[in-house]
Amino acid sequence: MGIALALFPPLVNVVVTGIFAVVILRQYIRRHRSQQLYWSIAMVMAFCATVSYMGMALCGPTSVAGTYLFRVYYMLGGTIMPSWLGLGSVALLGKARLTRVCAGLLMVFSLVAAIFVLDATINMAQLSHIVGTPGTGTLQPGPWLFMTIVLNTLGVTGVAGVALFSGWKMLRRQASIGNTKTSHILRANICIFIGAILNAAAGSMARFLGVENSFWLIMAFGWIILFAGVLLAGHRSQVSANVPSSANAEVVDSAVATVREGVVGTGKA
């Protein structure tokens, strides 16, 4: 009964991240927008991380399978995933070359971080009491910690940077960025930023304040706000659609004027 109660909050996260991953993947398949691809990757990572956590708890944290699943959980959820959320925000800018360069660098960093986490030393005494907690302090300090800080910082910087950039564009009254309304980008990134901060705060609370039981519930709430931002980012600007319409109107007006001139000329003749 105790383990069932301890696993209920992670189960909520499995459902939340699973639903969000499916929804965003369907959007990407339908619209093929790069930001949706990167957000899908991040949500799939979050889903797999939480499933690994539950699998670890069920098969025994200190078993061979349990230690491997813990590494997968920490590697995907704690180290790599936040940076891919930030990459999705960067892709909203519509700068294809910049996004490709960032994606290439992020793949290299993610691979290096994964190797470090898989090679890190585990505190088995700490791991044996992980059920119901985020597992703070279970990995001994090492190179993985540096890569975790780097990737998490890149993720937060990407989200916050794009939010500030879109806010600056709004102040300059620029209607759109990369065929997406500036206001949508700003609101979307504010939600994504708040969601990411809540997820980070959950881990910080567990590390610094010892409030570990609320970790997974805060994470679920953070995912919901973050997903709201992703949905906001899906609203396309009508600016690009309106430009052809106005251009067509000018062509029609020009044609009408030409016909009128022809009629007048014929009448004079």
C-alpha atoms as a PDB file:
ATOM      1  CA  MET A   1       0.000   0.000   0.000  1.00  0.00           C
ATOM      2  CA  GLY A   2       2.889   2.347   0.867  1.00  0.00           C
ATOM      3  CA  ILE A   3       4.638   1.929  -2.477  1.00  0.00           C
ATOM      4  CA  ALA A   4       1.322   2.372  -4.303  1.00  0.00           C
ATOM      5  CA  LEU A   5       0.794   5.755  -2.622  1.00  0.00           C
ATOM      6  CA  ALA A   6       4.393   6.752  -3.292  1.00  0.00           C
ATOM      7  CA  LEU A   7       4.026   5.915  -6.989  1.00  0.00           C
ATOM      8  CA  PHE A   8       0.720   7.724  -7.495  1.00  0.00           C
ATOM      9  CA  PRO A   9       2.296  11.191  -8.116  1.00  0.00           C
ATOM     10  CA  PRO A  10       4.783   9.750 -10.676  1.00  0.00           C
ATOM     11  CA  LEU A  11       1.852   7.948 -12.331  1.00  0.00           C
ATOM     12  CA  VAL A  12       0.093  11.313 -12.728  1.00  0.00           C
ATOM     13  CA  ASN A  13       3.217  12.581 -14.498  1.00  0.00           C
ATOM     14  CA  VAL A  14       3.288   9.521 -16.777  1.00  0.00           C
ATOM     15  CA  VAL A  15      -0.294  10.248 -17.867  1.00  0.00           C
ATOM     16  CA  VAL A  16       0.290  13.991 -18.266  1.00  0.00           C
ATOM     17  CA  THR A  17       3.560  13.741 -20.216  1.00  0.00           C
ATOM     18  CA  GLY A  18       2.230  10.829 -22.299  1.00  0.00           C
ATOM     19  CA  ILE A  19      -0.865  12.739 -23.395  1.00  0.00           C
ATOM     20  CA  PHE A  20       1.124  15.888 -24.142  1.00  0.00           C
ATOM     21  CA  ALA A  21       3.736  13.943 -26.124  1.00  0.00           C
ATOM     22  CA  VAL A  22       1.055  12.346 -28.299  1.00  0.00           C
ATOM     23  CA  VAL A  23      -0.730  15.659 -28.910  1.00  0.00           C
ATOM     24  CA  ILE A  24       2.461  17.505 -29.910  1.00  0.00           C
ATOM     25  CA  LEU A  25       3.648  14.609 -32.093  1.00  0.00           C
ATOM     26  CA  ARG A  26       0.315  14.654 -33.926  1.00  0.00           C
ATOM     27  CA  GLN A  27       0.701  18.395 -34.467  1.00  0.00           C
ATOM     28  CA  TYR A  28       4.179  17.861 -35.894  1.00  0.00           C
ATOM     29  CA  ILE A  29       2.989  15.087 -38.235  1.00  0.00           C
ATOM     30  CA  ARG A  30       0.201  17.362 -39.445  1.00  0.00           C
ATOM     31  CA  ARG A  31       2.111  20.665 -39.722  1.00  0.00           C
ATOM     32  CA  HIS A  32       5.837  19.742 -39.795  1.00  0.00           C
ATOM     33  CA  ARG A  33       7.017  22.680 -37.668  1.00  0.00           C
ATOM     34  CA  SER A  34      10.486  22.276 -36.213  1.00  0.00           C
ATOM     35  CA  GLN A  35       9.529  23.597 -32.772  1.00  0.00           C
ATOM     36  CA  GLN A  36       6.896  20.885 -32.469  1.00  0.00           C
ATOM     37  CA  LEU A  37       9.519  18.262 -33.305  1.00  0.00           C
ATOM     38  CA  TYR A  38      11.876  19.456 -30.564  1.00  0.00           C
ATOM     39  CA  TRP A  39       9.086  19.813 -28.005  1.00  0.00           C
ATOM     40  CA  SER A  40       7.918  16.308 -28.918  1.00  0.00           C
ATOM     41  CA  ILE A  41      11.421  14.988 -28.282  1.00  0.00           C
ATOM     42  CA  ALA A  42      11.468  16.730 -24.885  1.00  0.00           C
ATOM     43  CA  MET A  43       8.057  15.376 -23.889  1.00  0.00           C
ATOM     44  CA  VAL A  44       8.943  11.830 -24.986  1.00  0.00           C
ATOM     45  CA  MET A  45      12.086  12.110 -22.848  1.00  0.00           C
ATOM     46  CA  ALA A  46      10.020  13.252 -19.864  1.00  0.00           C
ATOM     47  CA  PHE A  47       7.556  10.395 -20.403  1.00  0.00           C
ATOM     48  CA  CYS A  48      10.314   7.773 -20.694  1.00  0.00           C
ATOM     49  CA  ALA A  49      12.095   9.204 -17.642  1.00  0.00           C
ATOM     50  CA  THR A  50       8.999   8.910 -15.463  1.00  0.00           C
ATOM     51  CA  VAL A  51       8.199   5.409 -16.741  1.00  0.00           C
ATOM     52  CA  SER A  52      11.796   4.419 -15.918  1.00  0.00           C
ATOM     53  CA  TYR A  53      11.360   5.795 -12.405  1.00  0.00           C
ATOM     54  CA  MET A  54       8.248   3.706 -11.846  1.00  0.00           C
ATOM     55  CA  GLY A  55       9.915   0.627 -13.342  1.00  0.00           C
ATOM     56  CA  MET A  56      12.885   1.152 -11.010  1.00  0.00           C
ATOM     57  CA  ALA A  57      10.595   1.338  -7.973  1.00  0.00           C
ATOM     58  CA  LEU A  58       8.655  -1.780  -8.959  1.00  0.00           C
ATOM     59  CA  CYS A  59      11.644  -4.019  -9.701  1.00  0.00           C
ATOM     60  CA  GLY A  60      13.726  -2.765  -6.774  1.00  0.00           C
ATOM     61  CA  PRO A  61      15.922   0.369  -6.850  1.00  0.00           C
ATOM     62  CA  THR A  62      19.135  -1.441  -5.880  1.00  0.00           C
ATOM     63  CA  SER A  63      18.686  -4.348  -8.300  1.00  0.00           C
ATOM     64  CA  VAL A  64      20.697  -4.443 -11.521  1.00  0.00           C
ATOM     65  CA  ALA A  65      17.629  -3.411 -13.549  1.00  0.00           C
ATOM     66  CA  GLY A  66      16.715  -0.797 -10.936  1.00  0.00           C
ATOM     67  CA  THR A  67      20.093   0.950 -11.063  1.00  0.00           C
ATOM     68  CA  TYR A  68      19.998   0.992 -14.880  1.00  0.00           C
ATOM     69  CA  LEU A  69      16.456   2.432 -14.891  1.00  0.00           C
ATOM     70  CA  PHE A  70      17.513   5.079 -12.379  1.00  0.00           C
ATOM     71  CA  ARG A  71      20.306   6.182 -14.698  1.00  0.00           C
ATOM     72  CA  VAL A  72      17.843   6.408 -17.604  1.00  0.00           C
ATOM     73  CA  TYR A  73      15.442   8.409 -15.439  1.00  0.00           C
ATOM     74  CA  TYR A  74      18.108  10.871 -14.356  1.00  0.00           C
ATOM     75  CA  MET A  75      19.768  11.088 -17.769  1.00  0.00           C
ATOM     76  CA  LEU A  76      16.561  11.902 -19.670  1.00  0.00           C
ATOM     77  CA  GLY A  77      14.523  13.785 -17.089  1.00  0.00           C
ATOM     78  CA  GLY A  78      17.120  15.636 -15.059  1.00  0.00           C
ATOM     79  CA  THR A  79      19.951  16.263 -17.484  1.00  0.00           C
ATOM     80  CA  ILE A  80      19.011  16.266 -21.183  1.00  0.00           C
ATOM     81  CA  MET A  81      15.307  17.086 -21.526  1.00  0.00           C
ATOM     82  CA  PRO A  82      15.271  20.786 -20.426  1.00  0.00           C
ATOM     83  CA  SER A  83      17.682  21.798 -23.180  1.00  0.00           C
ATOM     84  CA  TRP A  84      15.395  20.395 -25.890  1.00  0.00           C
ATOM     85  CA  LEU A  85      12.515  22.460 -24.534  1.00  0.00           C
ATOM     86  CA  GLY A  86      14.710  25.509 -24.995  1.00  0.00           C
ATOM     87  CA  LEU A  87      15.563  24.441 -28.549  1.00  0.00           C
ATOM     88  CA  GLY A  88      11.853  24.371 -29.374  1.00  0.00           C
ATOM     89  CA  SER A  89      11.591  27.994 -28.254  1.00  0.00           C
ATOM     90  CA  VAL A  90      14.597  28.938 -30.384  1.00  0.00           C
ATOM     91  CA  ALA A  91      12.928  27.290 -33.393  1.00  0.00           C
ATOM     92  CA  LEU A  92       9.965  29.659 -32.947  1.00  0.00           C
ATOM     93  CA  LEU A  93      12.155  32.467 -34.236  1.00  0.00           C
ATOM     94  CA  GLY A  94      11.975  30.970 -37.728  1.00  0.00           C
ATOM     95  CA  LYS A  95      15.770  31.056 -38.214  1.00  0.00           C
ATOM     96  CA  ALA A  96      16.319  27.661 -39.846  1.00  0.00           C
ATOM     97  CA  ARG A  97      20.111  27.831 -39.994  1.00  0.00           C
ATOM     98  CA  LEU A  98      20.442  28.943 -36.358  1.00  0.00           C
ATOM     99  CA  THR A  99      18.075  26.186 -35.259  1.00  0.00           C
ATOM    100  CA  ARG A 100      20.009  23.510 -37.181  1.00  0.00           C
ATOM    101  CA  VAL A 101      23.324  24.633 -35.669  1.00  0.00           C
ATOM    102  CA  CYS A 102      21.837  24.611 -32.151  1.00  0.00           C
ATOM    103  CA  ALA A 103      20.295  21.185 -32.749  1.00  0.00           C
ATOM    104  CA  GLY A 104      23.621  19.764 -33.920  1.00  0.00           C
ATOM    105  CA  LEU A 105      25.485  21.111 -30.893  1.00  0.00           C
ATOM    106  CA  LEU A 106      22.736  19.932 -28.567  1.00  0.00           C
ATOM    107  CA  MET A 107      22.912  16.386 -29.928  1.00  0.00           C
ATOM    108  CA  VAL A 108      26.651  16.301 -29.182  1.00  0.00           C
ATOM    109  CA  PHE A 109      26.183  17.741 -25.684  1.00  0.00           C
ATOM    110  CA  SER A 110      23.323  15.315 -24.990  1.00  0.00           C
ATOM    111  CA  LEU A 111      25.445  12.333 -26.020  1.00  0.00           C
ATOM    112  CA  VAL A 112      28.343  13.452 -23.806  1.00  0.00           C
ATOM    113  CA  ALA A 113      25.981  14.040 -20.872  1.00  0.00           C
ATOM    114  CA  ALA A 114      24.389  10.609 -21.347  1.00  0.00           C
ATOM    115  CA  ILE A 115      27.810   8.928 -21.240  1.00  0.00           C
ATOM    116  CA  PHE A 116      28.728  10.792 -18.048  1.00  0.00           C
ATOM    117  CA  VAL A 117      25.458   9.883 -16.298  1.00  0.00           C
ATOM    118  CA  LEU A 118      25.738   6.228 -17.297  1.00  0.00           C
ATOM    119  CA  ASP A 119      29.284   6.183 -15.921  1.00  0.00           C
ATOM    120  CA  ALA A 120      28.568   8.073 -12.682  1.00  0.00           C
ATOM    121  CA  THR A 121      28.951   6.431  -9.280  1.00  0.00           C
ATOM    122  CA  ILE A 122      25.684   5.704  -7.457  1.00  0.00           C
ATOM    123  CA  ASN A 123      25.199   6.034  -3.721  1.00  0.00           C
ATOM    124  CA  MET A 124      23.440   2.711  -3.151  1.00  0.00           C
ATOM    125  CA  ALA A 125      22.332   3.615   0.376  1.00  0.00           C
ATOM    126  CA  GLN A 126      20.615   6.722  -0.998  1.00  0.00           C
ATOM    127  CA  LEU A 127      19.162   4.775  -3.914  1.00  0.00           C
ATOM    128  CA  SER A 128      17.545   2.241  -1.590  1.00  0.00           C
ATOM    129  CA  HIS A 129      15.301   5.019  -0.190  1.00  0.00           C
ATOM    130  CA  ILE A 130      14.478   6.750  -3.470  1.00  0.00           C
ATOM    131  CA  VAL A 131      10.846   5.656  -3.840  1.00  0.00           C
ATOM    132  CA  GLY A 132       8.595   8.705  -3.484  1.00  0.00           C
ATOM    133  CA  THR A 133      11.500  11.152  -3.841  1.00  0.00           C
ATOM    134  CA  PRO A 134      13.264  12.664  -6.899  1.00  0.00           C
ATOM    135  CA  GLY A 135      16.522  10.899  -6.060  1.00  0.00           C
ATOM    136  CA  THR A 136      18.469  14.004  -5.109  1.00  0.00           C
ATOM    137  CA  GLY A 137      22.040  13.201  -4.064  1.00  0.00           C
ATOM    138  CA  THR A 138      21.928   9.647  -5.399  1.00  0.00           C
ATOM    139  CA  LEU A 139      24.621  10.246  -8.026  1.00  0.00           C
ATOM    140  CA  GLN A 140      28.047  11.119  -6.689  1.00  0.00           C
ATOM    141  CA  PRO A 141      29.390  14.472  -7.989  1.00  0.00           C
ATOM    142  CA  GLY A 142      31.318  14.141 -11.241  1.00  0.00           C
ATOM    143  CA  PRO A 143      31.456  15.363 -14.857  1.00  0.00           C
ATOM    144  CA  TRP A 144      27.741  14.600 -15.244  1.00  0.00           C
ATOM    145  CA  LEU A 145      26.946  17.455 -12.843  1.00  0.00           C
ATOM    146  CA  PHE A 146      28.749  19.999 -15.024  1.00  0.00           C
ATOM    147  CA  MET A 147      26.909  18.804 -18.146  1.00  0.00           C
ATOM    148  CA  THR A 148      23.602  18.862 -16.266  1.00  0.00           C
ATOM    149  CA  ILE A 149      24.170  22.482 -15.259  1.00  0.00           C
ATOM    150  CA  VAL A 150      25.188  23.415 -18.816  1.00  0.00           C
ATOM    151  CA  LEU A 151      22.199  21.751 -20.488  1.00  0.00           C
ATOM    152  CA  ASN A 152      19.681  23.062 -17.958  1.00  0.00           C
ATOM    153  CA  THR A 153      21.107  26.560 -18.294  1.00  0.00           C
ATOM    154  CA  LEU A 154      20.893  26.374 -22.094  1.00  0.00           C
ATOM    155  CA  GLY A 155      17.258  25.287 -21.846  1.00  0.00           C
ATOM    156  CA  VAL A 156      16.206  28.092 -19.514  1.00  0.00           C
ATOM    157  CA  THR A 157      18.247  30.625 -21.512  1.00  0.00           C
ATOM    158  CA  GLY A 158      16.570  29.541 -24.759  1.00  0.00           C
ATOM    159  CA  VAL A 159      13.057  29.913 -23.359  1.00  0.00           C
ATOM    160  CA  ALA A 160      13.709  33.148 -21.456  1.00  0.00           C
ATOM    161  CA  GLY A 161      15.768  34.654 -24.285  1.00  0.00           C
ATOM    162  CA  VAL A 162      13.074  34.123 -26.882  1.00  0.00           C
ATOM    163  CA  ALA A 163      10.446  35.500 -24.487  1.00  0.00           C
ATOM    164  CA  LEU A 164      12.510  38.667 -23.956  1.00  0.00           C
ATOM    165  CA  PHE A 165      13.195  38.962 -27.687  1.00  0.00           C
ATOM    166  CA  SER A 166       9.513  38.654 -28.597  1.00  0.00           C
ATOM    167  CA  GLY A 167       8.645  41.197 -25.883  1.00  0.00           C
ATOM    168  CA  TRP A 168      11.147  43.623 -27.390  1.00  0.00           C
ATOM    169  CA  LYS A 169       9.620  43.063 -30.825  1.00  0.00           C
ATOM    170  CA  MET A 170       6.189  43.816 -29.422  1.00  0.00           C
ATOM    171  CA  LEU A 171       7.470  47.087 -27.977  1.00  0.00           C
ATOM    172  CA  ARG A 172       8.731  47.935 -31.470  1.00  0.00           C
ATOM    173  CA  ARG A 173       5.285  46.951 -32.784  1.00  0.00           C
ATOM    174  CA  GLN A 174       6.548  44.171 -35.040  1.00  0.00           C
ATOM    175  CA  ALA A 175       3.469  42.067 -35.773  1.00  0.00           C
ATOM    176  CA  SER A 176       5.139  38.712 -36.425  1.00  0.00           C
ATOM    177  CA  ILE A 177       8.339  36.711 -36.111  1.00  0.00           C
ATOM    178  CA  GLY A 178       8.807  33.869 -38.572  1.00  0.00           C
ATOM    179  CA  ASN A 179       5.135  33.863 -39.654  1.00  0.00           C
ATOM    180  CA  THR A 180       3.969  33.574 -36.027  1.00  0.00           C
ATOM    181  CA  LYS A 181       2.333  36.469 -34.185  1.00  0.00           C
ATOM    182  CA  THR A 182       4.755  38.137 -31.801  1.00  0.00           C
ATOM    183  CA  SER A 183       2.101  38.185 -29.078  1.00  0.00           C
ATOM    184  CA  HIS A 184       1.648  34.412 -29.414  1.00  0.00           C
ATOM    185  CA  ILE A 185       5.399  33.823 -29.138  1.00  0.00           C
ATOM    186  CA  LEU A 186       5.592  36.029 -26.046  1.00  0.00           C
ATOM    187  CA  ARG A 187       2.643  34.395 -24.265  1.00  0.00           C
ATOM    188  CA  ALA A 188       3.768  30.919 -25.279  1.00  0.00           C
ATOM    189  CA  ASN A 189       7.289  31.404 -23.966  1.00  0.00           C
ATOM    190  CA  ILE A 190       6.069  32.980 -20.739  1.00  0.00           C
ATOM    191  CA  CYS A 191       4.002  29.829 -20.073  1.00  0.00           C
ATOM    192  CA  ILE A 192       6.851  27.551 -21.121  1.00  0.00           C
ATOM    193  CA  PHE A 193       9.238  29.518 -18.914  1.00  0.00           C
ATOM    194  CA  ILE A 194       6.913  29.337 -15.887  1.00  0.00           C
ATOM    195  CA  GLY A 195       6.429  25.607 -16.441  1.00  0.00           C
ATOM    196  CA  ALA A 196      10.175  25.038 -16.736  1.00  0.00           C
ATOM    197  CA  ILE A 197      10.827  27.120 -13.603  1.00  0.00           C
ATOM    198  CA  LEU A 198       8.225  25.116 -11.659  1.00  0.00           C
ATOM    199  CA  ASN A 199       9.886  21.870 -12.740  1.00  0.00           C
ATOM    200  CA  ALA A 200      13.273  23.253 -11.743  1.00  0.00           C
ATOM    201  CA  ALA A 201      11.829  24.538  -8.470  1.00  0.00           C
ATOM    202  CA  ALA A 202      10.554  21.059  -7.664  1.00  0.00           C
ATOM    203  CA  GLY A 203      14.080  19.716  -7.807  1.00  0.00           C
ATOM    204  CA  SER A 204      15.483  22.727  -5.940  1.00  0.00           C
ATOM    205  CA  MET A 205      12.921  22.312  -3.169  1.00  0.00           C
ATOM    206  CA  ALA A 206      13.896  18.666  -2.859  1.00  0.00           C
ATOM    207  CA  ARG A 207      17.616  19.526  -2.802  1.00  0.00           C
ATOM    208  CA  PHE A 208      17.691  22.633  -0.593  1.00  0.00           C
ATOM    209  CA  LEU A 209      14.501  22.543   1.492  1.00  0.00           C
ATOM    210  CA  GLY A 210      13.963  18.804   1.833  1.00  0.00           C
ATOM    211  CA  VAL A 211      10.365  19.052   0.572  1.00  0.00           C
ATOM    212  CA  GLU A 212      10.570  15.858  -1.475  1.00  0.00           C
ATOM    213  CA  ASN A 213       7.007  14.542  -1.271  1.00  0.00           C
ATOM    214  CA  SER A 214       5.667  17.435  -3.344  1.00  0.00           C
ATOM    215  CA  PHE A 215       8.246  16.970  -6.127  1.00  0.00           C
ATOM    216  CA  TRP A 216       6.089  14.998  -8.570  1.00  0.00           C
ATOM    217  CA  LEU A 217       2.923  17.047  -8.023  1.00  0.00           C
ATOM    218  CA  ILE A 218       4.820  20.289  -8.710  1.00  0.00           C
ATOM    219  CA  MET A 219       6.261  18.640 -11.816  1.00  0.00           C
ATOM    220  CA  ALA A 220       2.775  17.714 -13.069  1.00  0.00           C
ATOM    221  CA  PHE A 221       1.529  21.272 -12.529  1.00  0.00           C
ATOM    222  CA  GLY A 222       4.589  22.613 -14.327  1.00  0.00           C
ATOM    223  CA  TRP A 223       3.977  20.328 -17.311  1.00  0.00           C
ATOM    224  CA  ILE A 224       0.374  21.505 -17.587  1.00  0.00           C
ATOM    225  CA  ILE A 225       1.418  25.185 -17.728  1.00  0.00           C
ATOM    226  CA  LEU A 226       4.228  24.367 -20.144  1.00  0.00           C
ATOM    227  CA  PHE A 227       1.822  22.489 -22.423  1.00  0.00           C
ATOM    228  CA  ALA A 228      -0.491  25.520 -22.448  1.00  0.00           C
ATOM    229  CA  GLY A 229       2.445  27.506 -23.811  1.00  0.00           C
ATOM    230  CA  VAL A 230       3.095  24.919 -26.503  1.00  0.00           C
ATOM    231  CA  LEU A 231      -0.549  25.119 -27.592  1.00  0.00           C
ATOM    232  CA  LEU A 232      -0.354  28.922 -27.711  1.00  0.00           C
ATOM    233  CA  ALA A 233       2.697  28.666 -29.953  1.00  0.00           C
ATOM    234  CA  GLY A 234       0.652  26.593 -32.387  1.00  0.00           C
ATOM    235  CA  HIS A 235      -1.526  29.581 -33.347  1.00  0.00           C
ATOM    236  CA  ARG A 236      -0.148  30.884 -36.629  1.00  0.00           C
ATOM    237  CA  SER A 237      -0.092  34.505 -37.605  1.00  0.00           C
ATOM    238  CA  GLN A 238      -2.524  35.674 -40.239  1.00  0.00           C
ATOM    239  CA  VAL A 239      -0.070  38.324 -41.415  1.00  0.00           C
ATOM    240  CA  SER A 240       1.465  36.158 -44.122  1.00  0.00           C
ATOM    241  CA  ALA A 241      -1.987  35.108 -45.265  1.00  0.00           C
ATOM    242  CA  ASN A 242      -3.139  38.687 -45.506  1.00  0.00           C
ATOM    243  CA  VAL A 243      -0.226  39.824 -47.653  1.00  0.00           C
ATOM    244  CA  PRO A 244      -1.230  37.808 -50.719  1.00  0.00           C
ATOM    245  CA  SER A 245      -4.809  38.951 -50.265  1.00  0.00           C
ATOM    246  CA  SER A 246      -3.845  42.628 -50.325  1.00  0.00           C
ATOM    247  CA  ALA A 247      -1.533  41.980 -53.263  1.00  0.00           C
ATOM    248  CA  ASN A 248      -4.355  40.317 -55.150  1.00  0.00           C
ATOM    249  CA  ALA A 249      -6.591  43.267 -54.365  1.00  0.00           C
ATOM    250  CA  GLU A 250      -4.030  45.606 -55.898  1.00  0.00           C
ATOM    251  CA  VAL A 251      -3.874  43.441 -59.033  1.00  0.00           C
ATOM    252  CA  VAL A 252      -7.670  43.465 -59.329  1.00  0.00           C
ATOM    253  CA  ASP A 253      -7.803  47.262 -58.864  1.00  0.00           C
ATOM    254  CA  SER A 254      -5.133  47.689 -61.529  1.00  0.00           C
ATOM    255  CA  ALA A 255      -7.029  45.443 -63.927  1.00  0.00           C
ATOM    256  CA  VAL A 256     -10.271  47.328 -63.332  1.00  0.00           C
ATOM    257  CA  ALA A 257      -8.513  50.643 -63.967  1.00  0.00           C
ATOM    258  CA  THR A 258      -7.045  49.299 -67.207  1.00  0.00           C
ATOM    259  CA  VAL A 259     -10.449  48.139 -68.427  1.00  0.00           C
ATOM    260  CA  ARG A 260     -11.960  51.523 -67.602  1.00  0.00           C
ATOM    261  CA  GLU A 261      -9.238  53.326 -69.524  1.00  0.00           C
ATOM    262  CA  GLY A 262      -9.855  51.023 -72.476  1.00  0.00           C
ATOM    263  CA  VAL A 263     -13.570  51.716 -72.377  1.00  0.00           C
ATOM    264  CA  VAL A 264     -13.016  55.480 -72.179  1.00  0.00           C
ATOM    265  CA  GLY A 265     -10.547  55.363 -75.052  1.00  0.00           C
ATOM    266  CA  THR A 266     -12.956  53.389 -77.194  1.00  0.00           C
ATOM    267  CA  GLY A 267     -15.750  55.875 -76.466  1.00  0.00           C
ATOM    268  CA  LYS A 268     -13.546  58.806 -77.462  1.00  0.00           C
ATOM    269  CA  ALA A 269     -12.615  57.105 -80.680  1.00  0.00           C
END
